[in-house]
Amino acid sequence: MQPPSPIRAIAFVDGQNLFHSAKASFGHRYPNYNVRKLAKAVCEAQGWELEAVRFYTGVPDAKDNAFWNHFWVAKGAQMGREGVHVHTRALRYRTKTVRLPDGKKHSFVVGDEKGIDIRIALDVIRLAQDKAYDVALVFSQDQDLSEAAIELRRIASEQNRWIKIASAFPENPRHKTRGIEQTDWLPISREVYDACLDPRDYRPKT
């Protein structure tokens, strides 16, 4: 089936997944991306028209982690002013225990972003059913989202139209990086990523 003209894309951004990938690939120490600029750059390279950007992240409660609560509240507010649809979930903290090489156990507290991948998948499917886009541009490498890709093929067949889902992620120069299975993979070079940084620093001054 031939793609439509123009090809409309909606970006679905897993904020934590994108940050950790950029940290591992490029060494960035905090989430310094401008998601609208980054989504626009990826879309322009593919010849797609960016219809909307949807951003998803877990946010800790201020009493659990005041630093990152301040950061995400401030960054989320700015993204909202720029027209990004921001979806947040409260981080749930749990104690994780691992066994060290010397046999001792080490316990530490980690934040759990429970439900973010499910929320993204539901929105990808819902908006496809509403015919809101032709391309779901997912900034994530979370393999749980491969189920949404399979569902999109069913929707495309039912609606008798062209639909694509793509996985965009920072390209790691040191080892091969993989996108979400069942999707088109769009590695992002450091040059493209660094051209789409947010000049604002939302980290609280200490």
Protein backbone atom coordinates (compact mmCIF):
# COMPACT_ATOMS: atom_id res chain seq x y z
CA MET A 1 0.00 0.00 0.00
CA GLN A 2 1.28 3.44 -0.90
CA PRO A 3 1.94 5.94 1.92
CA PRO A 4 -0.29 9.01 2.09
CA SER A 5 0.83 12.51 1.23
CA PRO A 6 1.63 14.23 3.46
CA ILE A 7 2.71 11.63 6.03
CA ARG A 8 1.58 12.74 9.50
CA ALA A 9 3.62 11.70 12.53
CA ILE A 10 3.03 11.86 16.27
CA ALA A 11 6.05 11.48 18.55
CA PHE A 12 5.69 9.42 21.73
CA VAL A 13 8.66 10.09 24.02
CA ASP A 14 9.61 7.87 26.97
CA GLY A 15 11.55 10.52 28.87
CA GLN A 16 13.52 8.22 31.15
CA ASN A 17 14.36 5.73 28.40
CA LEU A 18 15.59 8.52 26.13
CA PHE A 19 17.69 10.05 28.91
CA HIS A 20 19.38 6.79 29.90
CA SER A 21 20.11 5.98 26.25
CA ALA A 22 21.62 9.44 25.69
CA LYS A 23 23.67 9.05 28.85
CA ALA A 24 25.04 5.66 27.78
CA SER A 25 25.63 6.74 24.17
CA PHE A 26 26.77 10.36 24.46
CA GLY A 27 27.61 10.88 28.13
CA HIS A 28 24.92 13.46 28.89
CA ARG A 29 24.49 13.68 32.66
CA TYR A 30 20.86 14.84 32.92
CA PRO A 31 17.79 15.01 30.63
CA ASN A 32 18.88 17.99 28.55
CA TYR A 33 16.89 17.25 25.39
CA ASN A 34 14.33 19.48 23.73
CA VAL A 35 11.83 16.84 22.67
CA ARG A 36 9.98 19.03 20.18
CA LYS A 37 13.19 19.98 18.36
CA LEU A 38 14.41 16.38 18.41
CA ALA A 39 11.13 14.98 17.10
CA LYS A 40 11.03 17.64 14.38
CA ALA A 41 14.61 16.83 13.31
CA VAL A 42 13.87 13.10 13.03
CA CYS A 43 10.64 13.74 11.13
CA GLU A 44 12.24 16.16 8.69
CA ALA A 45 14.97 13.61 7.91
CA GLN A 46 12.25 11.10 6.98
CA GLY A 47 10.03 13.54 5.10
CA TRP A 48 7.23 13.36 7.69
CA GLU A 49 5.11 16.19 9.07
CA LEU A 50 5.17 16.38 12.86
CA GLU A 51 1.59 16.64 14.13
CA ALA A 52 2.17 16.45 17.89
CA VAL A 53 4.64 15.45 20.61
CA ARG A 54 3.58 13.41 23.63
CA PHE A 55 6.00 13.06 26.56
CA TYR A 56 5.85 10.47 29.34
CA THR A 57 7.88 10.22 32.54
CA GLY A 58 7.75 9.17 36.16
CA VAL A 59 8.15 11.97 38.71
CA PRO A 60 9.20 11.39 42.34
CA ASP A 61 7.30 12.98 45.18
CA ALA A 62 9.05 16.04 46.63
CA LYS A 63 9.46 14.33 50.00
CA ASP A 64 11.21 11.36 48.36
CA ASN A 65 13.50 13.28 46.02
CA ALA A 66 13.15 17.06 46.06
CA PHE A 67 15.89 17.55 43.44
CA TRP A 68 14.28 15.49 40.66
CA ASN A 69 10.77 16.53 41.60
CA HIS A 70 11.79 20.16 41.06
CA PHE A 71 13.53 19.28 37.79
CA TRP A 72 10.63 17.39 36.22
CA VAL A 73 7.93 19.79 37.40
CA ALA A 74 9.85 22.73 35.91
CA LYS A 75 10.81 20.95 32.68
CA GLY A 76 7.30 19.56 32.25
CA ALA A 77 5.79 23.01 32.65
CA GLN A 78 8.09 24.42 29.98
CA MET A 79 7.31 21.57 27.58
CA GLY A 80 3.62 22.22 28.14
CA ARG A 81 4.10 25.89 27.21
CA GLU A 82 5.76 24.70 24.00
CA GLY A 83 2.74 22.60 23.07
CA VAL A 84 3.99 19.19 24.20
CA HIS A 85 1.39 16.88 25.76
CA VAL A 86 3.03 15.88 29.06
CA HIS A 87 1.96 12.73 30.93
CA THR A 88 3.48 11.97 34.32
CA ARG A 89 3.20 9.13 36.80
CA ALA A 90 4.26 9.09 40.43
CA LEU A 91 7.44 7.07 40.95
CA ARG A 92 7.02 4.19 43.38
CA TYR A 93 10.11 3.40 45.43
CA ARG A 94 11.15 -0.11 46.41
CA THR A 95 14.20 -1.74 47.93
CA LYS A 96 16.26 -3.89 45.59
CA THR A 97 18.85 -6.37 46.85
CA VAL A 98 21.71 -7.76 44.75
CA ARG A 99 24.47 -10.22 45.57
CA LEU A 100 27.98 -8.82 45.09
CA PRO A 101 30.91 -10.83 43.64
CA ASP A 102 32.29 -11.41 47.16
CA GLY A 103 29.00 -13.03 48.20
CA LYS A 104 27.72 -10.15 50.29
CA LYS A 105 24.29 -8.64 49.70
CA HIS A 106 23.76 -4.97 48.91
CA SER A 107 20.37 -3.25 49.20
CA PHE A 108 19.41 0.07 47.62
CA VAL A 109 16.27 2.03 46.82
CA VAL A 110 15.14 2.40 43.22
CA GLY A 111 12.27 4.32 41.63
CA ASP A 112 9.78 2.26 39.62
CA GLU A 113 8.06 3.90 36.62
CA LYS A 114 5.20 1.43 36.69
CA GLY A 115 2.68 1.99 33.93
CA ILE A 116 4.60 4.35 31.62
CA ASP A 117 5.07 1.76 28.85
CA ILE A 118 1.42 0.73 29.14
CA ARG A 119 0.28 4.37 28.88
CA ILE A 120 2.40 4.88 25.75
CA ALA A 121 1.09 1.69 24.14
CA LEU A 122 -2.53 2.61 24.87
CA ASP A 123 -2.08 6.08 23.37
CA VAL A 124 -0.32 4.68 20.29
CA ILE A 125 -3.25 2.31 19.69
CA ARG A 126 -6.02 4.79 20.56
CA LEU A 127 -4.69 7.51 18.28
CA ALA A 128 -4.18 5.01 15.45
CA GLN A 129 -7.81 3.96 15.77
CA ASP A 130 -8.78 7.64 15.65
CA LYS A 131 -6.68 8.02 12.46
CA ALA A 132 -4.73 10.83 14.14
CA TYR A 133 -1.42 9.88 12.53
CA ASP A 134 0.24 7.80 9.83
CA VAL A 135 3.51 7.26 11.74
CA ALA A 136 3.93 6.56 15.44
CA LEU A 137 7.44 7.83 16.17
CA VAL A 138 8.38 6.24 19.50
CA PHE A 139 11.47 7.52 21.30
CA SER A 140 12.19 4.37 23.29
CA GLN A 141 13.94 1.01 23.18
CA ASP A 142 11.49 -0.66 25.57
CA GLN A 143 10.76 -4.06 24.03
CA ASP A 144 7.39 -4.23 25.80
CA LEU A 145 6.17 -1.78 23.15
CA SER A 146 6.64 -4.38 20.39
CA GLU A 147 3.11 -5.60 21.22
CA ALA A 148 1.76 -2.20 20.18
CA ALA A 149 3.57 -2.55 16.85
CA ILE A 150 1.81 -5.85 16.22
CA GLU A 151 -1.54 -4.29 17.10
CA LEU A 152 -0.92 -1.41 14.67
CA ARG A 153 -0.62 -3.86 11.80
CA ARG A 154 -4.06 -5.22 12.66
CA ILE A 155 -5.50 -1.68 12.77
CA ALA A 156 -3.89 -0.83 9.43
CA SER A 157 -5.51 -3.90 7.87
CA GLU A 158 -8.93 -3.13 9.39
CA GLN A 159 -8.80 0.50 8.27
CA ASN A 160 -7.23 -0.38 4.91
CA ARG A 161 -4.60 2.30 5.27
CA TRP A 162 -0.83 2.76 5.52
CA ILE A 163 0.52 2.98 9.09
CA LYS A 164 4.12 2.84 10.27
CA ILE A 165 5.69 2.64 13.73
CA ALA A 166 9.32 3.65 14.19
CA SER A 167 11.68 3.43 17.16
CA ALA A 168 14.10 6.36 17.51
CA PHE A 169 17.04 6.16 19.91
CA PRO A 170 20.55 7.57 20.43
CA GLU A 171 23.15 5.70 18.42
CA ASN A 172 25.87 4.27 20.65
CA PRO A 173 29.31 4.57 18.98
CA ARG A 174 30.80 1.85 21.21
CA HIS A 175 28.39 -1.01 20.63
CA LYS A 176 25.38 -1.88 18.51
CA THR A 177 22.11 -0.47 19.79
CA ARG A 178 18.72 -1.95 19.04
CA GLY A 179 15.32 -0.39 18.61
CA ILE A 180 11.97 -1.91 19.47
CA GLU A 181 11.31 -5.18 17.67
CA GLN A 182 8.61 -5.10 14.97
CA THR A 183 9.35 -1.41 14.26
CA ASP A 184 11.55 0.58 11.89
CA TRP A 185 14.76 1.61 13.68
CA LEU A 186 15.94 5.22 13.46
CA PRO A 187 19.28 5.68 15.25
CA ILE A 188 19.97 9.29 16.26
CA SER A 189 23.54 10.52 15.76
CA ARG A 190 25.29 12.63 18.38
CA GLU A 191 25.38 15.51 15.90
CA VAL A 192 21.58 15.49 15.55
CA TYR A 193 20.98 14.97 19.26
CA ASP A 194 23.33 17.77 20.33
CA ALA A 195 21.68 20.15 17.87
CA CYS A 196 18.40 19.61 19.77
CA LEU A 197 19.45 20.37 23.34
CA ASP A 198 17.37 22.50 25.68
CA PRO A 199 19.47 25.53 26.73
CA ARG A 200 17.55 25.76 30.01
CA ASP A 201 18.83 23.89 33.06
CA TYR A 202 15.95 22.95 35.35
CA ARG A 203 18.13 21.47 38.10
CA PRO A 204 17.69 23.37 41.37
CA LYS A 205 20.67 25.45 42.44
CA THR A 206 22.39 23.94 45.46
